[in-house]
Structures are given as structure tokens and as C-alpha cells.
């Protein structure tokens, strides 16, 4: 009964901004950590950011720190990823994932998550 639906992807120019949304349904968002992953062509899926409920912290990959920001609106059951100063490596499928609240030590590891959305494509062009 838990569903995650990403939206907001599209074509954006180099250096531009985009905001992705992950709408959750079927569960209480407060009890889950929500993360964003991305998978660029020919590369492995990597963790981008995580909003962790267990320790009330946010986490970012070094490659996006200072440019991306994750936020959460519990009333709307939605997690956002604001992406600024987009680079070519930002061209990827972006996926949101949910994990039952637990230690966040492995937030960037795929097996840590229980549920996944279908993804939304982001293409950064020059």
C-alpha cells in the first residue's frame, strides 16, 4: 500500500535549477527516511541525499553538497529535492526511496531501502 511517485524531471540548461518531488502515500511519512538516488548513463546508482527521521538529519553526497537541498512537507506527504547549479553529471534518472526509520549509517546504500519510486529523468544540456 506504500507508493512513491517522482515528478519534476525534464530538460534543464547547464547551471540551471530544477525541483523534484516525491509524493508518498499509504504510510505516515514521519516514520520513514526518504532518499534521492540518481543513475547516470553507464554508471551505478548513487545516493544523492537523504532526509532521515531517526536522527533528524539530512545527508548529502559530497558531489552535490552546497548545490542541492532536500526538504519535507509532511502535510503534503511530499519530499522535495531542490537542485541548483546543475552540471552535466546531473543527467540521470532520479529515484526516491523510503526506509523504515532506522540508523542512517547506510543511507546511501540501495539495500537499506524498502520502497522505490519509478523514477524521473533529468537531462542537463548546454
Protein backbone atom coordinates (compact mmCIF):
# COMPACT_ATOMS: atom_id res chain seq x y z
CA UNK A 1 0.00 0.00 0.00
CA UNK A 2 3.02 2.27 0.12
CA UNK A 3 3.66 4.19 -3.09
CA UNK A 4 6.26 6.71 -4.13
CA UNK A 5 5.80 8.83 -7.23
CA UNK A 6 8.51 11.13 -8.53
CA UNK A 7 7.86 14.16 -10.69
CA UNK A 8 9.56 17.35 -11.81
CA UNK A 9 12.20 15.94 -14.11
CA UNK A 10 12.88 17.36 -17.53
CA UNK A 11 15.36 19.23 -19.66
CA UNK A 12 17.38 21.96 -17.98
CA UNK A 13 20.32 24.04 -19.14
CA UNK A 14 23.78 23.75 -17.65
CA UNK A 15 23.89 25.78 -14.45
CA UNK A 16 20.13 25.85 -14.17
CA UNK A 17 17.81 24.71 -11.41
CA UNK A 18 15.13 22.11 -11.03
CA UNK A 19 12.98 20.86 -8.19
CA UNK A 20 11.99 17.24 -7.96
CA UNK A 21 9.06 15.97 -5.95
CA UNK A 22 8.45 12.60 -4.35
CA UNK A 23 4.84 12.10 -3.33
CA UNK A 24 4.24 9.37 -0.78
CA UNK A 25 1.00 7.60 0.00
CA UNK A 26 -0.13 4.69 2.10
CA UNK A 27 2.01 5.39 5.15
CA UNK A 28 2.94 8.01 7.69
CA UNK A 29 5.88 9.89 6.27
CA UNK A 30 7.22 10.77 9.71
CA UNK A 31 8.31 7.19 10.34
CA UNK A 32 10.36 6.83 7.16
CA UNK A 33 13.63 8.10 5.87
CA UNK A 34 13.32 9.36 2.30
CA UNK A 35 16.27 9.50 -0.05
CA UNK A 36 17.06 10.53 -3.59
CA UNK A 37 19.25 8.42 -5.82
CA UNK A 38 20.43 9.04 -9.34
CA UNK A 39 21.76 6.80 -12.07
CA UNK A 40 23.66 8.36 -14.94
CA UNK A 41 24.16 6.50 -18.23
CA UNK A 42 26.72 3.75 -17.82
CA UNK A 43 27.12 4.37 -14.10
CA UNK A 44 25.88 2.75 -10.92
CA UNK A 45 23.03 4.20 -8.94
CA UNK A 46 24.29 6.51 -6.24
CA UNK A 47 22.76 8.15 -3.24
CA UNK A 48 22.31 11.89 -3.60
CA UNK A 49 20.54 12.98 -0.45
CA UNK A 50 18.53 11.64 2.45
CA UNK A 51 16.07 13.10 4.92
CA UNK A 52 16.44 10.87 7.95
CA UNK A 53 13.75 10.77 10.61
CA UNK A 54 15.69 8.55 13.00
CA UNK A 55 18.33 11.16 13.73
CA UNK A 56 16.52 14.25 12.41
CA UNK A 57 19.30 14.97 9.96
CA UNK A 58 19.80 15.49 6.27
CA UNK A 59 22.62 13.92 4.31
CA UNK A 60 24.22 14.81 1.00
CA UNK A 61 26.73 13.26 -1.32
CA UNK A 62 29.91 15.30 -1.50
CA UNK A 63 29.30 15.89 -5.19
CA UNK A 64 26.08 17.83 -4.57
CA UNK A 65 26.72 19.42 -1.20
CA UNK A 66 26.03 23.14 -1.32
CA UNK A 67 24.05 22.86 -4.56
CA UNK A 68 21.20 20.54 -3.66
CA UNK A 69 18.74 20.76 -0.79
CA UNK A 70 16.28 18.16 0.42
CA UNK A 71 13.12 19.19 2.22
CA UNK A 72 9.99 17.57 3.52
CA UNK A 73 6.36 18.64 3.76
CA UNK A 74 4.55 16.15 5.96
CA UNK A 75 1.14 17.76 5.38
CA UNK A 76 1.51 17.20 1.65
CA UNK A 77 3.22 13.84 2.10
CA UNK A 78 5.95 15.02 -0.22
CA UNK A 79 9.74 15.20 -0.20
CA UNK A 80 11.49 17.66 -2.48
CA UNK A 81 14.95 17.88 -3.95
CA UNK A 82 15.96 21.37 -5.00
CA UNK A 83 18.81 21.17 -7.47
CA UNK A 84 20.82 24.27 -8.32
CA UNK A 85 23.89 24.87 -10.47
CA UNK A 86 23.28 21.69 -12.39
CA UNK A 87 26.25 20.01 -14.03
CA UNK A 88 26.45 17.52 -16.90
CA UNK A 89 26.77 14.65 -14.44
CA UNK A 90 23.32 15.61 -13.23
CA UNK A 91 21.92 13.95 -16.34
CA UNK A 92 20.43 10.84 -14.83
CA UNK A 93 17.32 9.03 -13.79
CA UNK A 94 16.37 10.20 -10.34
CA UNK A 95 14.63 7.88 -7.92
CA UNK A 96 13.21 8.39 -4.48
CA UNK A 97 13.32 5.63 -1.91
CA UNK A 98 11.86 5.07 1.54
CA UNK A 99 13.17 3.16 4.53
CA UNK A 100 11.52 2.44 7.84
CA UNK A 101 13.16 4.66 10.40
CA UNK A 102 16.45 3.14 11.47
CA UNK A 103 20.08 4.07 11.83
CA UNK A 104 21.17 6.30 8.97
CA UNK A 105 24.67 4.90 8.75
CA UNK A 106 23.90 3.26 5.40
CA UNK A 107 21.65 5.93 3.90
CA UNK A 108 23.46 5.87 0.56
CA UNK A 109 23.21 2.10 0.16
CA UNK A 110 20.45 0.74 -2.06
CA UNK A 111 19.63 -2.36 0.05
CA UNK A 112 18.90 -0.11 3.01
CA UNK A 113 15.62 0.99 1.42
CA UNK A 114 12.30 -0.83 1.45
CA UNK A 115 10.40 1.03 -1.26
CA UNK A 116 11.28 2.74 -4.53
CA UNK A 117 9.55 5.05 -6.95
CA UNK A 118 9.55 4.64 -10.71
CA UNK A 119 11.99 7.45 -11.36
CA UNK A 120 12.01 10.73 -13.26
CA UNK A 121 14.51 11.70 -15.93
CA UNK A 122 16.69 14.80 -15.66
CA UNK A 123 18.71 15.93 -18.64
CA UNK A 124 21.24 18.75 -18.34
CA UNK A 125 22.08 20.37 -21.65
CA UNK A 126 24.45 23.13 -22.71
